[in-house]
Amino acid sequence: YTFALLAALKDMNLMTPLAVIATTCPEKKRATLIRGVLDALGLPDVPVGVGSPGVTEYTLQSAEYARPSSRVFESGMDLMVKALRKSEDSSVQLVCLASLTDVAKLL
C-alpha cells in the first residue's frame, strides 16, 4: 500500500519522490522488488538504492515483477546524499518505514 499511496500523491502533485532506499535484510532483493513495484505503478523515474541490512533478517519471496535495473543503486547512502544535494534547502521530507540505521548515518 505504501508505494500505491506514493504514486497517488505524485499523480495529485502533492509529492515528488526523489528516491526509495531498500533496507532490512535481504536488502538487495528488496531493492529489485521495489524497482518492479515502482515500475508497475508508473514511477520508473524514481531511483532505488540498497540500504543497510538492519538488525532483523526476514524471508522474502520472489515475484515475477522483481527486476535488476540500472535504476537500482548499490549505495543507498550515496543516492540519499545525491538527492539531498540536488534539492533546495528545507524542501525535502524523509519518510522512514523501516530500519533507521541509514537515516542516522546520514544525519
PDB file of N, CA and C in Angstrom:
ATOM      1  N   TYR A   1       0.802  -1.200   0.000  1.00  0.00           N
ATOM      2  CA  TYR A   1       0.000   0.000   0.000  1.00  0.00           C
ATOM      3  C   TYR A   1       0.845   1.265   0.000  1.00  0.00           C
ATOM      4  N   THR A   2       2.017   1.192   0.569  1.00  0.00           N
ATOM      5  CA  THR A   2       2.873   2.365   0.695  1.00  0.00           C
ATOM      6  C   THR A   2       3.223   2.960  -0.658  1.00  0.00           C
ATOM      7  N   PHE A   3       3.611   2.119  -1.585  1.00  0.00           N
ATOM      8  CA  PHE A   3       4.035   2.631  -2.880  1.00  0.00           C
ATOM      9  C   PHE A   3       2.841   3.040  -3.745  1.00  0.00           C
ATOM     10  N   ALA A   4       1.687   2.408  -3.538  1.00  0.00           N
ATOM     11  CA  ALA A   4       0.473   2.849  -4.232  1.00  0.00           C
ATOM     12  C   ALA A   4       0.091   4.253  -3.753  1.00  0.00           C
ATOM     13  N   LEU A   5       0.215   4.500  -2.461  1.00  0.00           N
ATOM     14  CA  LEU A   5      -0.040   5.828  -1.913  1.00  0.00           C
ATOM     15  C   LEU A   5       0.964   6.838  -2.462  1.00  0.00           C
ATOM     16  N   LEU A   6       2.223   6.442  -2.544  1.00  0.00           N
ATOM     17  CA  LEU A   6       3.254   7.308  -3.108  1.00  0.00           C
ATOM     18  C   LEU A   6       2.898   7.705  -4.550  1.00  0.00           C
ATOM     19  N   ALA A   7       2.482   6.729  -5.341  1.00  0.00           N
ATOM     20  CA  ALA A   7       2.114   7.007  -6.733  1.00  0.00           C
ATOM     21  C   ALA A   7       0.897   7.935  -6.801  1.00  0.00           C
ATOM     22  N   ALA A   8      -0.080   7.716  -5.935  1.00  0.00           N
ATOM     23  CA  ALA A   8      -1.275   8.568  -5.934  1.00  0.00           C
ATOM     24  C   ALA A   8      -0.922  10.002  -5.545  1.00  0.00           C
ATOM     25  N   LEU A   9      -0.077  10.172  -4.535  1.00  0.00           N
ATOM     26  CA  LEU A   9       0.335  11.518  -4.124  1.00  0.00           C
ATOM     27  C   LEU A   9       1.101  12.224  -5.231  1.00  0.00           C
ATOM     28  N   LYS A  10       1.913  11.467  -5.957  1.00  0.00           N
ATOM     29  CA  LYS A  10       2.643  12.060  -7.087  1.00  0.00           C
ATOM     30  C   LYS A  10       1.668  12.458  -8.192  1.00  0.00           C
ATOM     31  N   ASP A  11       0.697  11.595  -8.477  1.00  0.00           N
ATOM     32  CA  ASP A  11      -0.295  11.901  -9.509  1.00  0.00           C
ATOM     33  C   ASP A  11      -1.093  13.161  -9.181  1.00  0.00           C
ATOM     34  N   MET A  12      -1.325  13.412  -7.881  1.00  0.00           N
ATOM     35  CA  MET A  12      -2.076  14.596  -7.452  1.00  0.00           C
ATOM     36  C   MET A  12      -1.167  15.819  -7.269  1.00  0.00           C
ATOM     37  N   ASN A  13       0.108  15.659  -7.650  1.00  0.00           N
ATOM     38  CA  ASN A  13       1.097  16.736  -7.498  1.00  0.00           C
ATOM     39  C   ASN A  13       1.258  17.194  -6.056  1.00  0.00           C
ATOM     40  N   LEU A  14       1.111  16.262  -5.117  1.00  0.00           N
ATOM     41  CA  LEU A  14       1.284  16.565  -3.699  1.00  0.00           C
ATOM     42  C   LEU A  14       2.652  16.129  -3.185  1.00  0.00           C
ATOM     43  N   MET A  15       3.362  15.340  -3.988  1.00  0.00           N
ATOM     44  CA  MET A  15       4.666  14.835  -3.578  1.00  0.00           C
ATOM     45  C   MET A  15       5.495  14.542  -4.821  1.00  0.00           C
ATOM     46  N   THR A  16       6.780  14.794  -4.704  1.00  0.00           N
ATOM     47  CA  THR A  16       7.721  14.428  -5.758  1.00  0.00           C
ATOM     48  C   THR A  16       8.750  13.494  -5.142  1.00  0.00           C
ATOM     49  N   PRO A  17       8.583  12.187  -5.320  1.00  0.00           N
ATOM     50  CA  PRO A  17       9.544  11.256  -4.715  1.00  0.00           C
ATOM     51  C   PRO A  17      10.920  11.388  -5.358  1.00  0.00           C
ATOM     52  N   LEU A  18      11.940  11.534  -4.521  1.00  0.00           N
ATOM     53  CA  LEU A  18      13.308  11.681  -5.014  1.00  0.00           C
ATOM     54  C   LEU A  18      14.028  10.349  -5.120  1.00  0.00           C
ATOM     55  N   ALA A  19      13.717   9.426  -4.211  1.00  0.00           N
ATOM     56  CA  ALA A  19      14.389   8.122  -4.176  1.00  0.00           C
ATOM     57  C   ALA A  19      13.693   7.236  -3.155  1.00  0.00           C
ATOM     58  N   VAL A  20      13.905   5.943  -3.295  1.00  0.00           N
ATOM     59  CA  VAL A  20      13.457   4.960  -2.309  1.00  0.00           C
ATOM     60  C   VAL A  20      14.675   4.123  -1.945  1.00  0.00           C
ATOM     61  N   ILE A  21      14.895   3.935  -0.651  1.00  0.00           N
ATOM     62  CA  ILE A  21      16.024   3.134  -0.176  1.00  0.00           C
ATOM     63  C   ILE A  21      15.474   1.853   0.452  1.00  0.00           C
ATOM     64  N   ALA A  22      15.943   0.715  -0.029  1.00  0.00           N
ATOM     65  CA  ALA A  22      15.512  -0.586   0.488  1.00  0.00           C
ATOM     66  C   ALA A  22      16.427  -0.996   1.636  1.00  0.00           C
ATOM     67  N   THR A  23      15.833  -1.188   2.795  1.00  0.00           N
ATOM     68  CA  THR A  23      16.607  -1.631   3.956  1.00  0.00           C
ATOM     69  C   THR A  23      16.027  -2.936   4.488  1.00  0.00           C
ATOM     70  N   THR A  24      16.655  -3.510   5.442  1.00  0.00           N
ATOM     71  CA  THR A  24      16.296  -4.748   6.111  1.00  0.00           C
ATOM     72  C   THR A  24      16.622  -5.942   5.213  1.00  0.00           C
ATOM     73  N   CYS A  25      17.400  -6.830   5.741  1.00  0.00           N
ATOM     74  CA  CYS A  25      17.906  -7.991   5.037  1.00  0.00           C
ATOM     75  C   CYS A  25      16.768  -8.866   4.520  1.00  0.00           C
ATOM     76  N   PRO A  26      16.763  -9.285   3.315  1.00  0.00           N
ATOM     77  CA  PRO A  26      17.759  -9.166   2.262  1.00  0.00           C
ATOM     78  C   PRO A  26      17.552  -7.884   1.435  1.00  0.00           C
ATOM     79  N   GLU A  27      18.325  -6.887   1.727  1.00  0.00           N
ATOM     80  CA  GLU A  27      18.126  -5.551   1.164  1.00  0.00           C
ATOM     81  C   GLU A  27      18.282  -5.479  -0.356  1.00  0.00           C
ATOM     82  N   LYS A  28      19.191  -6.255  -0.921  1.00  0.00           N
ATOM     83  CA  LYS A  28      19.359  -6.226  -2.387  1.00  0.00           C
ATOM     84  C   LYS A  28      18.137  -6.811  -3.098  1.00  0.00           C
ATOM     85  N   LYS A  29      17.621  -7.891  -2.563  1.00  0.00           N
ATOM     86  CA  LYS A  29      16.422  -8.498  -3.146  1.00  0.00           C
ATOM     87  C   LYS A  29      15.224  -7.555  -2.970  1.00  0.00           C
ATOM     88  N   ARG A  30      15.147  -6.882  -1.826  1.00  0.00           N
ATOM     89  CA  ARG A  30      14.070  -5.909  -1.608  1.00  0.00           C
ATOM     90  C   ARG A  30      14.143  -4.779  -2.636  1.00  0.00           C
ATOM     91  N   ALA A  31      15.351  -4.352  -2.947  1.00  0.00           N
ATOM     92  CA  ALA A  31      15.515  -3.260  -3.910  1.00  0.00           C
ATOM     93  C   ALA A  31      14.969  -3.655  -5.281  1.00  0.00           C
ATOM     94  N   THR A  32      15.221  -4.892  -5.711  1.00  0.00           N
ATOM     95  CA  THR A  32      14.707  -5.321  -7.013  1.00  0.00           C
ATOM     96  C   THR A  32      13.183  -5.451  -6.987  1.00  0.00           C
ATOM     97  N   LEU A  33      12.627  -5.864  -5.855  1.00  0.00           N
ATOM     98  CA  LEU A  33      11.175  -5.929  -5.733  1.00  0.00           C
ATOM     99  C   LEU A  33      10.561  -4.531  -5.774  1.00  0.00           C
ATOM    100  N   ILE A  34      11.172  -3.602  -5.051  1.00  0.00           N
ATOM    101  CA  ILE A  34      10.677  -2.227  -5.048  1.00  0.00           C
ATOM    102  C   ILE A  34      10.766  -1.621  -6.445  1.00  0.00           C
ATOM    103  N   ARG A  35      11.876  -1.896  -7.148  1.00  0.00           N
ATOM    104  CA  ARG A  35      12.013  -1.387  -8.508  1.00  0.00           C
ATOM    105  C   ARG A  35      10.850  -1.858  -9.373  1.00  0.00           C
ATOM    106  N   GLY A  36      10.524  -3.134  -9.282  1.00  0.00           N
ATOM    107  CA  GLY A  36       9.418  -3.683 -10.063  1.00  0.00           C
ATOM    108  C   GLY A  36       8.079  -3.062  -9.690  1.00  0.00           C
ATOM    109  N   VAL A  37       7.851  -2.846  -8.402  1.00  0.00           N
ATOM    110  CA  VAL A  37       6.600  -2.229  -7.947  1.00  0.00           C
ATOM    111  C   VAL A  37       6.502  -0.801  -8.459  1.00  0.00           C
ATOM    112  N   LEU A  38       7.580  -0.039  -8.315  1.00  0.00           N
ATOM    113  CA  LEU A  38       7.555   1.350  -8.792  1.00  0.00           C
ATOM    114  C   LEU A  38       7.337   1.415 -10.301  1.00  0.00           C
ATOM    115  N   ASP A  39       7.957   0.521 -11.049  1.00  0.00           N
ATOM    116  CA  ASP A  39       7.751   0.477 -12.499  1.00  0.00           C
ATOM    117  C   ASP A  39       6.287   0.176 -12.826  1.00  0.00           C
ATOM    118  N   ALA A  40       5.705  -0.789 -12.114  1.00  0.00           N
ATOM    119  CA  ALA A  40       4.313  -1.161 -12.356  1.00  0.00           C
ATOM    120  C   ALA A  40       3.355  -0.030 -12.012  1.00  0.00           C
ATOM    121  N   LEU A  41       3.741   0.817 -11.069  1.00  0.00           N
ATOM    122  CA  LEU A  41       2.893   1.936 -10.655  1.00  0.00           C
ATOM    123  C   LEU A  41       3.146   3.201 -11.470  1.00  0.00           C
ATOM    124  N   GLY A  42       3.983   3.094 -12.488  1.00  0.00           N
ATOM    125  CA  GLY A  42       4.249   4.245 -13.330  1.00  0.00           C
ATOM    126  C   GLY A  42       5.263   5.216 -12.752  1.00  0.00           C
ATOM    127  N   LEU A  43       6.165   4.708 -11.908  1.00  0.00           N
ATOM    128  CA  LEU A  43       7.205   5.540 -11.300  1.00  0.00           C
ATOM    129  C   LEU A  43       8.604   5.064 -11.694  1.00  0.00           C
ATOM    130  N   PRO A  44       8.863   4.882 -12.990  1.00  0.00           N
ATOM    131  CA  PRO A  44      10.171   4.373 -13.398  1.00  0.00           C
ATOM    132  C   PRO A  44      11.307   5.370 -13.181  1.00  0.00           C
ATOM    133  N   ASP A  45      10.955   6.643 -12.994  1.00  0.00           N
ATOM    134  CA  ASP A  45      11.970   7.683 -12.817  1.00  0.00           C
ATOM    135  C   ASP A  45      12.457   7.810 -11.382  1.00  0.00           C
ATOM    136  N   VAL A  46      11.848   7.096 -10.455  1.00  0.00           N
ATOM    137  CA  VAL A  46      12.260   7.160  -9.051  1.00  0.00           C
ATOM    138  C   VAL A  46      13.369   6.129  -8.826  1.00  0.00           C
ATOM    139  N   PRO A  47      14.586   6.584  -8.516  1.00  0.00           N
ATOM    140  CA  PRO A  47      15.672   5.626  -8.300  1.00  0.00           C
ATOM    141  C   PRO A  47      15.518   4.873  -6.982  1.00  0.00           C
ATOM    142  N   VAL A  48      16.054   3.663  -6.955  1.00  0.00           N
ATOM    143  CA  VAL A  48      16.008   2.813  -5.769  1.00  0.00           C
ATOM    144  C   VAL A  48      17.435   2.531  -5.336  1.00  0.00           C
ATOM    145  N   GLY A  49      17.708   2.673  -4.044  1.00  0.00           N
ATOM    146  CA  GLY A  49      19.036   2.388  -3.508  1.00  0.00           C
ATOM    147  C   GLY A  49      18.997   1.220  -2.548  1.00  0.00           C
ATOM    148  N   VAL A  50      20.114   0.546  -2.435  1.00  0.00           N
ATOM    149  CA  VAL A  50      20.254  -0.562  -1.489  1.00  0.00           C
ATOM    150  C   VAL A  50      20.804   0.021  -0.187  1.00  0.00           C
ATOM    151  N   GLY A  51      20.039  -0.110   0.873  1.00  0.00           N
ATOM    152  CA  GLY A  51      20.446   0.414   2.173  1.00  0.00           C
ATOM    153  C   GLY A  51      21.099  -0.640   3.037  1.00  0.00           C
ATOM    154  N   SER A  52      21.124  -0.376   4.319  1.00  0.00           N
ATOM    155  CA  SER A  52      21.762  -1.292   5.268  1.00  0.00           C
ATOM    156  C   SER A  52      20.852  -2.491   5.535  1.00  0.00           C
ATOM    157  N   PRO A  53      21.433  -3.580   6.032  1.00  0.00           N
ATOM    158  CA  PRO A  53      20.636  -4.771   6.285  1.00  0.00           C
ATOM    159  C   PRO A  53      19.752  -4.673   7.526  1.00  0.00           C
ATOM    160  N   GLY A  54      19.957  -3.671   8.355  1.00  0.00           N
ATOM    161  CA  GLY A  54      19.176  -3.571   9.582  1.00  0.00           C
ATOM    162  C   GLY A  54      19.592  -4.627  10.584  1.00  0.00           C
ATOM    163  N   VAL A  55      18.734  -4.887  11.543  1.00  0.00           N
ATOM    164  CA  VAL A  55      19.091  -5.833  12.606  1.00  0.00           C
ATOM    165  C   VAL A  55      18.320  -7.147  12.532  1.00  0.00           C
ATOM    166  N   THR A  56      17.317  -7.215  11.696  1.00  0.00           N
ATOM    167  CA  THR A  56      16.496  -8.412  11.591  1.00  0.00           C
ATOM    168  C   THR A  56      16.518  -8.919  10.159  1.00  0.00           C
ATOM    169  N   GLU A  57      16.609 -10.226  10.006  1.00  0.00           N
ATOM    170  CA  GLU A  57      16.557 -10.805   8.666  1.00  0.00           C
ATOM    171  C   GLU A  57      15.194 -11.441   8.463  1.00  0.00           C
ATOM    172  N   TYR A  58      14.576 -11.126   7.335  1.00  0.00           N
ATOM    173  CA  TYR A  58      13.276 -11.679   7.000  1.00  0.00           C
ATOM    174  C   TYR A  58      13.409 -12.541   5.754  1.00  0.00           C
ATOM    175  N   THR A  59      12.509 -13.485   5.624  1.00  0.00           N
ATOM    176  CA  THR A  59      12.434 -14.271   4.398  1.00  0.00           C
ATOM    177  C   THR A  59      11.625 -13.465   3.409  1.00  0.00           C
ATOM    178  N   LEU A  60      12.111 -13.355   2.217  1.00  0.00           N
ATOM    179  CA  LEU A  60      11.431 -12.560   1.204  1.00  0.00           C
ATOM    180  C   LEU A  60      11.153 -13.443   0.007  1.00  0.00           C
ATOM    181  N   GLN A  61       9.899 -13.521  -0.354  1.00  0.00           N
ATOM    182  CA  GLN A  61       9.523 -14.323  -1.519  1.00  0.00           C
ATOM    183  C   GLN A  61       9.853 -13.541  -2.782  1.00  0.00           C
ATOM    184  N   SER A  62      10.180 -14.242  -3.847  1.00  0.00           N
ATOM    185  CA  SER A  62      10.444 -13.557  -5.106  1.00  0.00           C
ATOM    186  C   SER A  62       9.117 -13.284  -5.808  1.00  0.00           C
ATOM    187  N   ALA A  63       9.164 -12.386  -6.754  1.00  0.00           N
ATOM    188  CA  ALA A  63       7.970 -12.055  -7.535  1.00  0.00           C
ATOM    189  C   ALA A  63       8.401 -11.840  -8.971  1.00  0.00           C
ATOM    190  N   GLU A  64       7.531 -12.129  -9.902  1.00  0.00           N
ATOM    191  CA  GLU A  64       7.908 -12.020 -11.307  1.00  0.00           C
ATOM    192  C   GLU A  64       8.159 -10.586 -11.733  1.00  0.00           C
ATOM    193  N   TYR A  65       7.664  -9.616 -10.975  1.00  0.00           N
ATOM    194  CA  TYR A  65       7.925  -8.217 -11.334  1.00  0.00           C
ATOM    195  C   TYR A  65       9.231  -7.686 -10.755  1.00  0.00           C
ATOM    196  N   ALA A  66       9.925  -8.457  -9.936  1.00  0.00           N
ATOM    197  CA  ALA A  66      11.234  -8.045  -9.420  1.00  0.00           C
ATOM    198  C   ALA A  66      12.221  -8.062 -10.575  1.00  0.00           C
ATOM    199  N   ARG A  67      13.013  -7.010 -10.669  1.00  0.00           N
ATOM    200  CA  ARG A  67      13.959  -6.970 -11.783  1.00  0.00           C
ATOM    201  C   ARG A  67      15.182  -6.137 -11.450  1.00  0.00           C
ATOM    202  N   PRO A  68      16.339  -6.625 -11.873  1.00  0.00           N
ATOM    203  CA  PRO A  68      17.525  -5.788 -11.764  1.00  0.00           C
ATOM    204  C   PRO A  68      17.384  -4.620 -12.738  1.00  0.00           C
ATOM    205  N   SER A  69      17.979  -3.516 -12.416  1.00  0.00           N
ATOM    206  CA  SER A  69      17.811  -2.333 -13.242  1.00  0.00           C
ATOM    207  C   SER A  69      18.955  -1.365 -13.013  1.00  0.00           C
ATOM    208  N   SER A  70      19.230  -0.547 -14.008  1.00  0.00           N
ATOM    209  CA  SER A  70      20.235   0.497 -13.831  1.00  0.00           C
ATOM    210  C   SER A  70      19.710   1.580 -12.892  1.00  0.00           C
ATOM    211  N   ARG A  71      18.429   1.516 -12.532  1.00  0.00           N
ATOM    212  CA  ARG A  71      17.839   2.471 -11.597  1.00  0.00           C
ATOM    213  C   ARG A  71      17.866   1.936 -10.166  1.00  0.00           C
ATOM    214  N   VAL A  72      18.597   0.826  -9.933  1.00  0.00           N
ATOM    215  CA  VAL A  72      18.846   0.332  -8.577  1.00  0.00           C
ATOM    216  C   VAL A  72      20.315   0.573  -8.282  1.00  0.00           C
ATOM    217  N   PHE A  73      20.586   1.399  -7.305  1.00  0.00           N
ATOM    218  CA  PHE A  73      21.944   1.796  -6.966  1.00  0.00           C
ATOM    219  C   PHE A  73      22.442   1.002  -5.772  1.00  0.00           C
ATOM    220  N   GLU A  74      23.677   0.538  -5.846  1.00  0.00           N
ATOM    221  CA  GLU A  74      24.241  -0.271  -4.776  1.00  0.00           C
ATOM    222  C   GLU A  74      24.326   0.477  -3.451  1.00  0.00           C
ATOM    223  N   SER A  75      24.585   1.757  -3.499  1.00  0.00           N
ATOM    224  CA  SER A  75      24.725   2.509  -2.256  1.00  0.00           C
ATOM    225  C   SER A  75      23.533   3.434  -2.049  1.00  0.00           C
ATOM    226  N   GLY A  76      22.640   3.023  -1.162  1.00  0.00           N
ATOM    227  CA  GLY A  76      21.515   3.870  -0.811  1.00  0.00           C
ATOM    228  C   GLY A  76      21.967   5.168  -0.170  1.00  0.00           C
ATOM    229  N   MET A  77      23.055   5.104   0.585  1.00  0.00           N
ATOM    230  CA  MET A  77      23.583   6.306   1.238  1.00  0.00           C
ATOM    231  C   MET A  77      24.015   7.329   0.184  1.00  0.00           C
ATOM    232  N   ASP A  78      24.761   6.882  -0.814  1.00  0.00           N
ATOM    233  CA  ASP A  78      25.185   7.795  -1.878  1.00  0.00           C
ATOM    234  C   ASP A  78      23.974   8.380  -2.611  1.00  0.00           C
ATOM    235  N   LEU A  79      22.969   7.557  -2.829  1.00  0.00           N
ATOM    236  CA  LEU A  79      21.764   8.025  -3.501  1.00  0.00           C
ATOM    237  C   LEU A  79      21.056   9.090  -2.667  1.00  0.00           C
ATOM    238  N   MET A  80      20.960   8.878  -1.356  1.00  0.00           N
ATOM    239  CA  MET A  80      20.326   9.875  -0.488  1.00  0.00           C
ATOM    240  C   MET A  80      21.089  11.193  -0.515  1.00  0.00           C
ATOM    241  N   VAL A  81      22.402  11.114  -0.402  1.00  0.00           N
ATOM    242  CA  VAL A  81      23.226  12.330  -0.409  1.00  0.00           C
ATOM    243  C   VAL A  81      23.052  13.073  -1.732  1.00  0.00           C
ATOM    244  N   LYS A  82      23.081  12.342  -2.830  1.00  0.00           N
ATOM    245  CA  LYS A  82      22.928  12.952  -4.157  1.00  0.00           C
ATOM    246  C   LYS A  82      21.567  13.644  -4.284  1.00  0.00           C
ATOM    247  N   ALA A  83      20.506  12.974  -3.836  1.00  0.00           N
ATOM    248  CA  ALA A  83      19.156  13.545  -3.921  1.00  0.00           C
ATOM    249  C   ALA A  83      19.044  14.804  -3.066  1.00  0.00           C
ATOM    250  N   LEU A  84      19.618  14.777  -1.887  1.00  0.00           N
ATOM    251  CA  LEU A  84      19.547  15.936  -0.998  1.00  0.00           C
ATOM    252  C   LEU A  84      20.352  17.111  -1.541  1.00  0.00           C
ATOM    253  N   ARG A  85      21.501  16.834  -2.108  1.00  0.00           N
ATOM    254  CA  ARG A  85      22.333  17.911  -2.663  1.00  0.00           C
ATOM    255  C   ARG A  85      21.658  18.593  -3.849  1.00  0.00           C
ATOM    256  N   LYS A  86      20.867  17.853  -4.609  1.00  0.00           N
ATOM    257  CA  LYS A  86      20.190  18.424  -5.771  1.00  0.00           C
ATOM    258  C   LYS A  86      18.929  19.204  -5.384  1.00  0.00           C
ATOM    259  N   SER A  87      18.489  19.079  -4.132  1.00  0.00           N
ATOM    260  CA  SER A  87      17.236  19.692  -3.695  1.00  0.00           C
ATOM    261  C   SER A  87      17.483  21.037  -3.017  1.00  0.00           C
ATOM    262  N   GLU A  88      16.477  21.883  -3.075  1.00  0.00           N
ATOM    263  CA  GLU A  88      16.558  23.169  -2.397  1.00  0.00           C
ATOM    264  C   GLU A  88      16.526  22.951  -0.882  1.00  0.00           C
ATOM    265  N   ASP A  89      17.155  23.857  -0.142  1.00  0.00           N
ATOM    266  CA  ASP A  89      17.145  23.779   1.317  1.00  0.00           C
ATOM    267  C   ASP A  89      15.704  23.737   1.837  1.00  0.00           C
ATOM    268  N   SER A  90      15.483  22.919   2.840  1.00  0.00           N
ATOM    269  CA  SER A  90      14.181  22.786   3.521  1.00  0.00           C
ATOM    270  C   SER A  90      13.051  22.324   2.595  1.00  0.00           C
ATOM    271  N   SER A  91      13.374  21.674   1.500  1.00  0.00           N
ATOM    272  CA  SER A  91      12.335  21.230   0.576  1.00  0.00           C
ATOM    273  C   SER A  91      12.086  19.723   0.622  1.00  0.00           C
ATOM    274  N   VAL A  92      12.835  18.994   1.452  1.00  0.00           N
ATOM    275  CA  VAL A  92      12.748  17.529   1.474  1.00  0.00           C
ATOM    276  C   VAL A  92      12.222  17.044   2.814  1.00  0.00           C
ATOM    277  N   GLN A  93      11.324  16.078   2.748  1.00  0.00           N
ATOM    278  CA  GLN A  93      10.839  15.390   3.940  1.00  0.00           C
ATOM    279  C   GLN A  93      11.181  13.921   3.789  1.00  0.00           C
ATOM    280  N   LEU A  94      11.784  13.346   4.821  1.00  0.00           N
ATOM    281  CA  LEU A  94      12.119  11.924   4.794  1.00  0.00           C
ATOM    282  C   LEU A  94      10.950  11.126   5.353  1.00  0.00           C
ATOM    283  N   VAL A  95      10.584  10.071   4.656  1.00  0.00           N
ATOM    284  CA  VAL A  95       9.562   9.152   5.133  1.00  0.00           C
ATOM    285  C   VAL A  95      10.265   7.840   5.437  1.00  0.00           C
ATOM    286  N   CYS A  96      10.281   7.447   6.693  1.00  0.00           N
ATOM    287  CA  CYS A  96      11.008   6.242   7.120  1.00  0.00           C
ATOM    288  C   CYS A  96      10.017   5.174   7.546  1.00  0.00           C
ATOM    289  N   LEU A  97      10.093   4.016   6.897  1.00  0.00           N
ATOM    290  CA  LEU A  97       9.162   2.926   7.175  1.00  0.00           C
ATOM    291  C   LEU A  97       9.854   1.668   7.671  1.00  0.00           C
ATOM    292  N   ALA A  98      11.147   1.711   7.828  1.00  0.00           N
ATOM    293  CA  ALA A  98      11.881   0.518   8.246  1.00  0.00           C
ATOM    294  C   ALA A  98      13.029   0.945   9.152  1.00  0.00           C
ATOM    295  N   SER A  99      14.091   0.209   9.095  1.00  0.00           N
ATOM    296  CA  SER A  99      15.269   0.493   9.910  1.00  0.00           C
ATOM    297  C   SER A  99      15.719   1.942   9.730  1.00  0.00           C
ATOM    298  N   LEU A 100      16.068   2.597  10.821  1.00  0.00           N
ATOM    299  CA  LEU A 100      16.515   3.982  10.770  1.00  0.00           C
ATOM    300  C   LEU A 100      18.037   4.094  10.742  1.00  0.00           C
ATOM    301  N   THR A 101      18.717   2.992  10.545  1.00  0.00           N
ATOM    302  CA  THR A 101      20.186   2.969  10.532  1.00  0.00           C
ATOM    303  C   THR A 101      20.748   3.924   9.498  1.00  0.00           C
ATOM    304  N   ASP A 102      20.233   3.887   8.286  1.00  0.00           N
ATOM    305  CA  ASP A 102      20.754   4.736   7.215  1.00  0.00           C
ATOM    306  C   ASP A 102      20.475   6.213   7.469  1.00  0.00           C
ATOM    307  N   VAL A 103      19.292   6.512   7.982  1.00  0.00           N
ATOM    308  CA  VAL A 103      18.956   7.908   8.279  1.00  0.00           C
ATOM    309  C   VAL A 103      19.852   8.424   9.391  1.00  0.00           C
ATOM    310  N   ALA A 104      20.113   7.605  10.392  1.00  0.00           N
ATOM    311  CA  ALA A 104      21.003   8.013  11.483  1.00  0.00           C
ATOM    312  C   ALA A 104      22.399   8.315  10.968  1.00  0.00           C
ATOM    313  N   LYS A 105      22.893   7.483  10.075  1.00  0.00           N
ATOM    314  CA  LYS A 105      24.225   7.732   9.484  1.00  0.00           C
ATOM    315  C   LYS A 105      24.224   9.000   8.641  1.00  0.00           C
ATOM    316  N   LEU A 106      23.131   9.213   7.917  1.00  0.00           N
ATOM    317  CA  LEU A 106      23.025  10.394   7.062  1.00  0.00           C
ATOM    318  C   LEU A 106      23.053  11.681   7.877  1.00  0.00           C
ATOM    319  N   LEU A 107      22.311  11.673   8.977  1.00  0.00           N
ATOM    320  CA  LEU A 107      22.233  12.881   9.811  1.00  0.00           C
ATOM    321  C   LEU A 107      23.493  13.064  10.603  1.00  0.00           C
TER     322      LEU A 107
END
